[in-house]
Amino acid sequence: MRIQVIGAGVSGLTTGICLAEAGHAVRIRAAAPPERTTSVAAGAMWGPVMTGPPDRALGWAKTSLDILSGLAGTPGTGVAMISGKEITAGEPALPFWSALAPGLRLCHPAELPPGFGGGWHYTAPLATMPVYLGYLRDRFERAGGVVEAGEVSGFTGTGAPVVVNCTGVAARDVVPDPEVHPVRGQVVIAENPGVEEFLIARGDAPDTVYMFPHGDTILLGGTVEYDAESLTPDPAIAERIVAGCVSLEPRLDGVQIIGHRVGLRPFRPQVRLEHEVLADGTVLWHNYGHGGAGISLSWGCALELADGVAGAIDGPGAA
């Protein structure tokens, strides 16, 4: 079957892989190449945050965790298993997905920085997104897929009987879907002074502090700015990010800054994974609205969609 996927971020590429490896003739069309999508600005550690509904998200997250864990350590994927902790000012309230996290345990008081009342320690896959996106694109093309550049204004007239909408935050205008909201995230890339474990300090929006080591570099974050759309790094925010990370990890004081990234998370109260038939007969599958869980849900959503396209399962109900 000829299939057109719209969007070349982590969801679009992963969906393209699952469809192409199932034997379909797949083209991915996107206004921006993978290396210029929101996905490249991601942390990007497994953990289905800022997403829903919880019941379906758990299944998608479990599938993605299994596949990402299998890729960890394989040369060229950019994926590694990493241990670390999330900490909170008050008593910890474990997330809905905590039962999936490998080796999760509550932190001992001695593990907590001053001013923090609790937290949990676990191990999860972490992707260096520029490398991981390159791996996904290569895998897609090895399966016979084609990536092409071009603006997208709608889902008809593609010449393909099946179209897959992986447009992320752009779905707000392309679908259009008023339930989609951009959530701006800004991060700083710095030289790693020897940090080996991740750290996430949960706080109130628009600020949160996190650090994800990627070998010789470390990604420092970040922001959670609802309905903010500027893709230009803000120097004042960058300075605040670094200061927040230094307060929790003194080795970062004076660290060499390598670069800045900004992305717009495609927040929606519930991920939209369903299909509809358009007036011209095109079967349109939607796979967007993953919030802060793009990589965490990517394989689960893509495989469910590929099964649906193949007719192995009934199409999911409306989200």
Protein backbone atom coordinates (compact mmCIF):
# COMPACT_ATOMS: atom_id res chain seq x y z
CA MET A 1 0.00 0.00 0.00
CA ARG A 2 1.21 3.54 -0.77
CA ILE A 3 1.27 5.64 2.38
CA GLN A 4 2.13 9.30 2.92
CA VAL A 5 3.34 10.28 6.40
CA ILE A 6 3.25 13.99 7.21
CA GLY A 7 5.93 15.05 9.69
CA ALA A 8 9.57 14.01 10.19
CA GLY A 9 9.99 14.23 13.95
CA VAL A 10 10.41 11.21 16.17
CA SER A 11 6.75 10.17 15.76
CA GLY A 12 6.78 10.55 11.99
CA LEU A 13 10.06 8.69 11.50
CA THR A 14 9.12 5.86 13.88
CA THR A 15 5.72 5.48 12.25
CA GLY A 16 7.37 5.47 8.83
CA ILE A 17 9.74 2.71 9.95
CA CYS A 18 6.95 0.50 11.27
CA LEU A 19 4.93 0.92 8.06
CA ALA A 20 7.90 0.49 5.69
CA GLU A 21 9.22 -2.56 7.54
CA ALA A 22 5.71 -4.04 7.21
CA GLY A 23 6.12 -3.86 3.43
CA HIS A 24 4.30 -0.65 2.56
CA ALA A 25 5.65 1.97 0.13
CA VAL A 26 6.06 4.96 2.45
CA ARG A 27 6.99 8.57 1.85
CA ILE A 28 7.54 11.06 4.66
CA ARG A 29 6.83 14.66 3.73
CA ALA A 30 7.71 17.50 6.07
CA ALA A 31 8.34 21.22 6.06
CA ALA A 32 11.50 20.68 8.12
CA PRO A 33 14.02 17.80 8.02
CA PRO A 34 14.43 15.61 11.14
CA GLU A 35 17.38 17.60 12.42
CA ARG A 36 15.27 20.79 12.52
CA THR A 37 12.14 19.39 14.19
CA THR A 38 11.03 19.86 17.78
CA SER A 39 12.33 16.36 18.50
CA VAL A 40 15.96 17.44 18.21
CA ALA A 41 15.54 19.72 21.26
CA ALA A 42 14.28 16.90 23.48
CA GLY A 43 16.14 15.61 26.54
CA ALA A 44 15.35 12.87 25.62
CA MET A 45 14.83 10.31 28.36
CA TRP A 46 12.04 7.77 28.45
CA GLY A 47 9.26 8.86 30.81
CA PRO A 48 5.68 9.53 29.63
CA VAL A 49 5.20 13.01 31.07
CA MET A 50 2.67 15.65 30.10
CA THR A 51 0.51 13.16 28.21
CA GLY A 52 -2.64 11.03 28.37
CA PRO A 53 -4.87 9.14 28.62
CA PRO A 54 -3.01 7.16 31.32
CA ASP A 55 -4.44 3.74 30.43
CA ARG A 56 -3.46 3.82 26.76
CA ALA A 57 -0.25 5.75 27.46
CA LEU A 58 0.96 2.95 29.75
CA GLY A 59 0.73 0.42 26.95
CA TRP A 60 2.44 2.66 24.43
CA ALA A 61 5.14 3.55 26.97
CA LYS A 62 5.80 -0.11 27.84
CA THR A 63 6.28 -1.01 24.18
CA SER A 64 8.58 1.96 23.63
CA LEU A 65 10.57 1.18 26.78
CA ASP A 66 11.18 -2.39 25.63
CA ILE A 67 12.33 -1.33 22.16
CA LEU A 68 14.50 1.57 23.34
CA SER A 69 16.11 -0.66 25.98
CA GLY A 70 16.92 -3.13 23.21
CA LEU A 71 18.56 -0.37 21.15
CA ALA A 72 20.62 0.91 24.11
CA GLY A 73 24.31 0.42 23.61
CA THR A 74 23.99 -0.46 19.93
CA PRO A 75 26.50 1.67 17.99
CA GLY A 76 24.92 4.39 15.91
CA THR A 77 21.58 4.55 17.71
CA GLY A 78 22.49 7.25 20.23
CA VAL A 79 20.53 5.36 22.92
CA ALA A 80 21.99 4.38 26.30
CA MET A 81 20.61 3.21 29.63
CA ILE A 82 21.12 5.76 32.37
CA SER A 83 20.40 5.86 36.09
CA GLY A 84 19.44 8.87 38.15
CA LYS A 85 16.71 10.43 40.22
CA GLU A 86 13.73 12.74 40.20
CA ILE A 87 13.36 14.89 43.30
CA THR A 88 10.53 16.98 44.74
CA ALA A 89 10.25 19.70 47.37
CA GLY A 90 7.59 17.80 49.29
CA GLU A 91 6.70 14.17 49.80
CA PRO A 92 7.09 12.28 46.51
CA ALA A 93 3.99 11.32 44.54
CA LEU A 94 5.06 8.61 42.13
CA PRO A 95 3.93 9.12 38.51
CA PHE A 96 1.29 6.87 36.95
CA TRP A 97 3.99 5.05 34.96
CA SER A 98 6.28 4.33 37.91
CA ALA A 99 5.58 0.57 37.86
CA LEU A 100 7.22 0.39 34.42
CA ALA A 101 10.47 2.13 35.40
CA PRO A 102 13.31 -0.38 35.81
CA GLY A 103 14.58 -0.65 39.38
CA LEU A 104 12.54 2.24 40.71
CA ARG A 105 12.96 2.90 44.44
CA LEU A 106 12.41 5.83 46.75
CA CYS A 107 15.47 7.95 47.50
CA HIS A 108 17.19 7.80 50.84
CA PRO A 109 17.30 11.14 52.68
CA ALA A 110 21.08 11.25 52.23
CA GLU A 111 20.61 11.23 48.46
CA LEU A 112 18.56 14.43 48.46
CA PRO A 113 19.98 17.95 48.07
CA PRO A 114 19.07 20.51 50.73
CA GLY A 115 15.52 21.78 50.37
CA PHE A 116 14.11 18.60 48.82
CA GLY A 117 11.80 16.28 50.71
CA GLY A 118 11.68 13.19 48.53
CA GLY A 119 12.32 11.54 45.23
CA TRP A 120 12.79 8.29 43.39
CA HIS A 121 15.73 6.62 41.67
CA TYR A 122 15.48 4.46 38.53
CA THR A 123 17.11 3.51 35.24
CA ALA A 124 15.74 4.34 31.78
CA PRO A 125 16.80 4.75 28.14
CA LEU A 126 18.23 8.14 27.16
CA ALA A 127 18.64 9.22 23.53
CA THR A 128 21.06 11.76 22.11
CA MET A 129 18.46 13.11 19.71
CA PRO A 130 20.62 14.34 16.80
CA VAL A 131 22.17 10.86 16.64
CA TYR A 132 18.92 8.98 17.29
CA LEU A 133 17.00 10.92 14.62
CA GLY A 134 19.79 10.11 12.15
CA TYR A 135 19.50 6.43 13.07
CA LEU A 136 15.73 6.51 12.56
CA ARG A 137 16.05 8.19 9.17
CA ASP A 138 18.71 5.72 8.02
CA ARG A 139 16.60 2.77 9.17
CA PHE A 140 13.54 4.16 7.40
CA GLU A 141 15.44 4.64 4.16
CA ARG A 142 16.99 1.17 4.39
CA ALA A 143 13.43 -0.18 4.53
CA GLY A 144 12.70 1.58 1.23
CA GLY A 145 11.19 4.77 2.65
CA VAL A 146 11.69 8.21 1.14
CA VAL A 147 11.92 11.54 2.99
CA GLU A 148 10.93 14.60 0.99
CA ALA A 149 10.74 18.29 1.85
CA GLY A 150 7.64 20.37 1.30
CA GLU A 151 5.04 22.51 2.99
CA VAL A 152 1.87 20.76 4.10
CA SER A 153 -1.50 22.52 4.11
CA GLY A 154 -3.84 19.53 4.12
CA PHE A 155 -4.19 15.79 3.81
CA THR A 156 -5.87 15.34 0.43
CA GLY A 157 -4.34 15.30 -3.02
CA THR A 158 -1.25 13.35 -1.94
CA GLY A 159 -1.85 10.50 -4.38
CA ALA A 160 -1.71 8.01 -1.50
CA PRO A 161 -4.81 6.14 -0.30
CA VAL A 162 -3.56 6.33 3.30
CA VAL A 163 -2.14 9.46 4.93
CA VAL A 164 -0.68 9.60 8.44
CA ASN A 165 -0.76 12.88 10.36
CA CYS A 166 2.33 13.22 12.56
CA THR A 167 2.43 17.01 12.39
CA GLY A 168 2.92 17.63 16.12
CA VAL A 169 2.08 21.16 17.21
CA ALA A 170 1.26 22.09 13.60
CA ALA A 171 -1.86 19.91 13.90
CA ARG A 172 -3.44 22.87 15.68
CA ASP A 173 -3.68 24.63 12.30
CA VAL A 174 -3.50 21.82 9.74
CA VAL A 175 -6.29 19.62 11.13
CA PRO A 176 -7.35 22.10 12.66
CA ASP A 177 -7.42 21.00 16.31
CA PRO A 178 -7.92 23.68 19.01
CA GLU A 179 -7.02 21.14 21.71
CA VAL A 180 -3.36 21.30 20.64
CA HIS A 181 -1.20 23.83 22.49
CA PRO A 182 2.51 24.56 22.13
CA VAL A 183 4.55 24.16 25.30
CA ARG A 184 7.91 25.84 24.79
CA GLY A 185 11.04 24.11 26.01
CA GLN A 186 14.47 25.74 26.04
CA VAL A 187 17.66 23.84 26.90
CA VAL A 188 21.39 24.49 27.06
CA ILE A 189 24.06 22.12 25.72
CA ALA A 190 27.33 22.21 27.68
CA GLU A 191 30.54 20.28 28.07
CA ASN A 192 30.09 17.51 30.63
CA PRO A 193 32.43 17.93 33.60
CA GLY A 194 31.95 14.28 34.62
CA VAL A 195 28.25 13.97 35.49
CA GLU A 196 27.09 10.37 34.95
CA GLU A 197 23.55 10.29 36.39
CA PHE A 198 20.50 12.23 35.27
CA LEU A 199 18.70 14.54 37.68
CA ILE A 200 15.18 16.00 37.40
CA ALA A 201 13.97 18.48 40.01
CA ARG A 202 10.23 18.85 39.60
CA GLY A 203 8.97 22.40 40.06
CA ASP A 204 6.11 24.65 39.04
CA ALA A 205 5.76 25.80 35.43
CA PRO A 206 7.37 27.56 33.67
CA ASP A 207 10.54 26.33 35.37
CA THR A 208 11.96 22.93 36.05
CA VAL A 209 15.56 21.85 36.49
CA TYR A 210 16.99 18.82 34.77
CA MET A 211 20.29 17.54 33.47
CA PHE A 212 20.85 14.63 31.10
CA PRO A 213 24.46 13.56 30.46
CA HIS A 214 25.28 12.45 26.92
CA GLY A 215 28.88 11.36 27.20
CA ASP A 216 31.12 14.37 26.63
CA THR A 217 28.16 16.77 26.65
CA ILE A 218 25.28 17.41 29.02
CA LEU A 219 21.84 18.82 28.27
CA LEU A 220 20.60 21.32 30.86
CA GLY A 221 16.99 22.37 31.21
CA GLY A 222 14.64 23.82 31.15
CA THR A 223 11.28 25.49 30.64
CA VAL A 224 7.62 24.46 30.46
CA GLU A 225 5.95 27.51 28.90
CA TYR A 226 2.36 26.91 27.82
CA ASP A 227 1.24 28.73 24.67
CA ALA A 228 4.67 30.31 24.17
CA GLU A 229 5.88 29.97 20.58
CA SER A 230 9.22 31.73 20.16
CA LEU A 231 11.91 29.44 18.74
CA THR A 232 14.66 31.95 19.53
CA PRO A 233 16.76 31.06 22.60
CA ASP A 234 16.33 33.65 25.36
CA PRO A 235 19.72 34.53 26.94
CA ALA A 236 18.09 35.37 30.29
CA ILE A 237 16.35 31.99 30.38
CA ALA A 238 19.58 30.23 29.43
CA GLU A 239 21.37 31.95 32.29
CA ARG A 240 18.62 30.92 34.69
CA ILE A 241 18.78 27.32 33.47
CA VAL A 242 22.51 27.08 34.06
CA ALA A 243 22.22 28.70 37.50
CA GLY A 244 19.49 26.26 38.52
CA CYS A 245 21.58 23.29 37.44
CA VAL A 246 24.70 24.62 39.17
CA SER A 247 22.75 24.93 42.41
CA LEU A 248 22.15 21.16 42.32
CA GLU A 249 25.41 20.09 40.66
CA PRO A 250 28.34 22.38 41.59
CA ARG A 251 30.63 20.73 39.04
CA LEU A 252 28.68 22.62 36.36
CA ASP A 253 29.88 25.99 37.68
CA GLY A 254 31.81 27.73 34.89
CA VAL A 255 31.10 24.96 32.39
CA GLN A 256 31.72 25.64 28.70
CA ILE A 257 28.44 26.30 26.84
CA ILE A 258 28.26 24.63 23.42
CA GLY A 259 24.82 25.60 22.18
CA HIS A 260 21.13 26.27 22.77
CA ARG A 261 17.98 24.50 21.55
CA VAL A 262 14.31 25.41 21.62
CA GLY A 263 11.33 23.19 20.78
CA LEU A 264 7.55 23.36 21.03
CA ARG A 265 6.08 20.31 22.71
CA PRO A 266 2.74 19.35 21.08
CA PHE A 267 0.52 19.22 24.16
CA ARG A 268 -3.00 17.80 23.96
CA PRO A 269 -5.06 16.48 26.91
CA GLN A 270 -5.08 13.11 25.16
CA VAL A 271 -2.90 11.72 22.38
CA ARG A 272 -4.92 11.46 19.19
CA LEU A 273 -4.36 8.02 17.67
CA GLU A 274 -7.33 7.17 15.45
CA HIS A 275 -8.44 7.20 11.82
CA GLU A 276 -11.12 8.81 9.71
CA VAL A 277 -12.18 8.64 6.06
CA LEU A 278 -12.04 11.96 4.20
CA ALA A 279 -14.50 13.12 1.56
CA ASP A 280 -12.24 11.99 -1.30
CA GLY A 281 -11.88 8.50 0.20
CA THR A 282 -8.44 9.05 1.71
CA VAL A 283 -7.98 7.16 4.98
CA LEU A 284 -6.38 9.62 7.38
CA TRP A 285 -4.66 8.31 10.50
CA HIS A 286 -3.83 10.76 13.27
CA ASN A 287 -0.81 10.27 15.53
CA TYR A 288 -0.11 13.53 17.37
CA GLY A 289 -0.51 15.33 20.69
CA HIS A 290 2.21 13.47 22.63
CA GLY A 291 3.13 16.43 24.84
CA GLY A 292 6.44 15.81 26.59
CA ALA A 293 6.38 12.08 25.78
CA GLY A 294 7.25 11.94 22.09
CA ILE A 295 10.08 9.44 22.32
CA SER A 296 8.45 7.68 25.29
CA LEU A 297 5.33 6.76 23.30
CA SER A 298 6.79 6.68 19.80
CA TRP A 299 7.17 2.94 19.21
CA GLY A 300 3.95 1.97 20.96
CA CYS A 301 1.87 4.44 18.96
CA ALA A 302 3.63 3.63 15.68
CA LEU A 303 3.15 -0.12 16.02
CA GLU A 304 -0.51 0.23 16.99
CA LEU A 305 -1.07 2.45 13.97
CA ALA A 306 0.77 0.05 11.65
CA ASP A 307 -1.39 -2.82 12.93
CA GLY A 308 -4.48 -0.73 12.29
CA VAL A 309 -3.40 0.09 8.74
CA ALA A 310 -2.77 -3.58 8.07
CA GLY A 311 -6.24 -4.45 9.34
CA ALA A 312 -4.84 -6.72 12.06
CA ILE A 313 -6.83 -4.81 14.68
CA ASP A 314 -9.84 -2.53 14.58
CA GLY A 315 -9.02 1.17 14.43
CA PRO A 316 -8.78 2.72 17.91
CA GLY A 317 -11.71 4.74 19.12
CA ALA A 318 -11.71 8.49 19.14
CA ALA A 319 -9.35 10.14 21.53
